[in-house]
Each structure stands twice: as structure tokens, then as C-alpha cells.
Amino acid sequence: MRITVALLAILITVTLAETGSDATDRIAFSSNRNGDYEIFVMNADGSNQTQLTFNDDWDSVPVWSPDGRFIVFSSDHDGDNEIIVMDADGENLTQLTSNKSDDYAPAWCPVE
């Protein structure tokens, strides 16, 4: 599920991951609460908010992988929006695109 909410001219994009029948649903979102847009996750009830990215780039539009193991997002790395993927815990960041075009709003496509 993807929900986009505009509050006071701030665009917040969140995605909800089903992480298994015995786990709590988790929400990925972008926030500038620390002065720079970073990726965070939290439980669906708003508890356990955890910052996953720590950089000077504008990280936004996080999207969970269908299996809940990864988060893909857009980052304004070096002035160009690029697509980055990381483990659900914020580890193993991998830049997927590298070009002068703005790559923005990534999405997953489940393979059957």
C-alpha cells in the first residue's frame, strides 16, 4: 500500500510493508525533521521510529520490496536524482542508476 499525504506544503510519501504473519507492518517514509530529508521506518502504530539514511543528500520516495527485505528510494546524489536500494535495516546501500537525468519515484514489480 502506498499513501501520499500533503501537510502544510510538505509532501510525505509512506509505504507499508507486509513483513510476515508474525511481524508488525512497517512504514517507510521520508522526513526532514533533522534538517535534511532522510529515510525512516516505523511500526504501523507510529512506534519505533528509526532513521536509516544519514547523508547530505535529499532522500525521498521510499518503497518496500514485495517481500519486505529491501527499500528502494530516490536520492539527489551529486545534484542528480538517482535510485538507491538498501536492506530493510538501512545496511548495504547500492546506487542503481548513475546519469545526468533525474531518476525519481522508483517502484517494484513482483516477478511470478
Protein backbone atom coordinates (compact mmCIF):
# COMPACT_ATOMS: atom_id res chain seq x y z
CA MET A 1 0.00 0.00 0.00
CA ARG A 2 1.34 3.45 -0.84
CA ILE A 3 -0.10 6.58 0.76
CA THR A 4 0.79 10.13 -0.19
CA VAL A 5 -0.17 12.89 2.22
CA ALA A 6 0.40 16.64 1.82
CA LEU A 7 0.63 18.55 5.09
CA LEU A 8 1.46 22.24 5.24
CA ALA A 9 3.03 22.13 1.77
CA ILE A 10 5.32 19.25 2.77
CA LEU A 11 5.00 16.11 0.69
CA ILE A 12 5.36 12.93 2.71
CA THR A 13 5.37 9.56 0.98
CA VAL A 14 4.97 6.40 3.02
CA THR A 15 4.78 2.78 2.08
CA LEU A 16 3.55 -0.12 4.15
CA ALA A 17 5.36 -3.45 4.10
CA GLU A 18 3.80 -6.75 5.00
CA THR A 19 6.75 -8.41 6.70
CA GLY A 20 5.11 -11.72 7.57
CA SER A 21 2.23 -13.03 9.62
CA ASP A 22 4.22 -12.95 12.86
CA ALA A 23 5.75 -9.48 12.31
CA THR A 24 4.35 -5.98 12.62
CA ASP A 25 3.57 -3.98 9.48
CA ARG A 26 6.27 -1.35 8.94
CA ILE A 27 6.01 2.06 7.28
CA ALA A 28 8.88 3.64 5.33
CA PHE A 29 8.83 7.42 5.00
CA SER A 30 10.99 10.45 4.29
CA SER A 31 11.31 13.29 6.80
CA ASN A 32 13.39 16.45 7.17
CA ARG A 33 12.99 16.52 10.96
CA ASN A 34 16.79 16.75 11.29
CA GLY A 35 17.19 19.48 8.65
CA ASP A 36 17.75 17.16 5.68
CA TYR A 37 15.39 14.64 4.07
CA GLU A 38 16.30 11.12 5.19
CA ILE A 39 14.59 7.71 5.08
CA PHE A 40 12.94 6.41 8.26
CA VAL A 41 10.88 3.36 9.16
CA MET A 42 8.37 2.83 11.96
CA ASN A 43 5.73 0.40 13.13
CA ALA A 44 2.25 0.94 11.68
CA ASP A 45 1.14 2.35 15.06
CA GLY A 46 3.86 5.07 14.88
CA SER A 47 6.18 3.47 17.42
CA ASN A 48 9.85 2.51 16.98
CA GLN A 49 10.77 5.27 14.52
CA THR A 50 14.25 4.58 13.17
CA GLN A 51 16.37 6.71 10.81
CA LEU A 52 18.01 4.58 8.09
CA THR A 53 19.93 7.09 5.94
CA PHE A 54 22.47 9.62 7.18
CA ASN A 55 23.86 11.88 4.45
CA ASP A 56 23.63 15.35 2.93
CA ASP A 57 21.50 14.12 0.01
CA TRP A 58 17.73 14.60 -0.24
CA ASP A 59 16.47 11.02 0.23
CA SER A 60 12.79 10.52 -0.60
CA VAL A 61 10.06 8.32 -2.05
CA PRO A 62 10.91 5.10 -0.18
CA VAL A 63 9.20 1.93 -1.45
CA TRP A 64 9.32 -1.50 0.19
CA SER A 65 10.18 -4.55 -1.92
CA PRO A 66 7.27 -7.02 -2.21
CA ASP A 67 8.96 -9.37 0.28
CA GLY A 68 9.76 -6.56 2.77
CA ARG A 69 13.52 -7.24 2.67
CA PHE A 70 14.59 -4.07 0.81
CA ILE A 71 13.72 -0.39 0.42
CA VAL A 72 14.33 1.48 -2.83
CA PHE A 73 14.31 5.30 -2.86
CA SER A 74 15.34 8.39 -4.78
CA SER A 75 18.37 10.42 -3.66
CA ASP A 76 19.73 13.71 -5.06
CA HIS A 77 23.26 12.33 -5.06
CA ASP A 78 25.68 14.86 -6.62
CA GLY A 79 22.78 17.09 -7.72
CA ASP A 80 21.07 14.44 -9.85
CA ASN A 81 18.26 12.22 -8.59
CA GLU A 82 19.46 8.64 -8.55
CA ILE A 83 17.81 5.40 -7.44
CA ILE A 84 19.27 3.65 -4.38
CA VAL A 85 18.34 0.30 -2.85
CA MET A 86 19.20 -0.84 0.68
CA ASP A 87 18.39 -3.63 3.08
CA ALA A 88 15.30 -3.01 5.23
CA ASP A 89 17.59 -2.20 8.18
CA GLY A 90 19.42 0.54 6.23
CA GLU A 91 22.54 -1.52 5.52
CA ASN A 92 24.15 -2.30 2.15
CA LEU A 93 23.18 0.82 0.18
CA THR A 94 23.65 0.28 -3.55
CA GLN A 95 23.21 3.00 -6.17
CA LEU A 96 21.28 1.53 -9.11
CA THR A 97 21.39 4.48 -11.53
CA SER A 98 24.10 6.97 -12.43
CA ASN A 99 23.33 9.54 -15.10
CA LYS A 100 22.55 13.21 -15.63
CA SER A 101 18.80 12.55 -15.93
CA ASP A 102 16.64 12.71 -12.83
CA ASP A 103 15.66 9.18 -11.80
CA TYR A 104 12.77 9.54 -9.40
CA ALA A 105 9.83 7.64 -7.91
CA PRO A 106 11.10 4.04 -8.07
CA ALA A 107 8.71 1.09 -7.92
CA TRP A 108 8.94 -2.68 -7.57
CA CYS A 109 7.43 -5.16 -9.96
CA PRO A 110 6.83 -8.61 -8.45
CA VAL A 111 8.04 -11.47 -10.59
CA GLU A 112 5.88 -14.56 -10.66
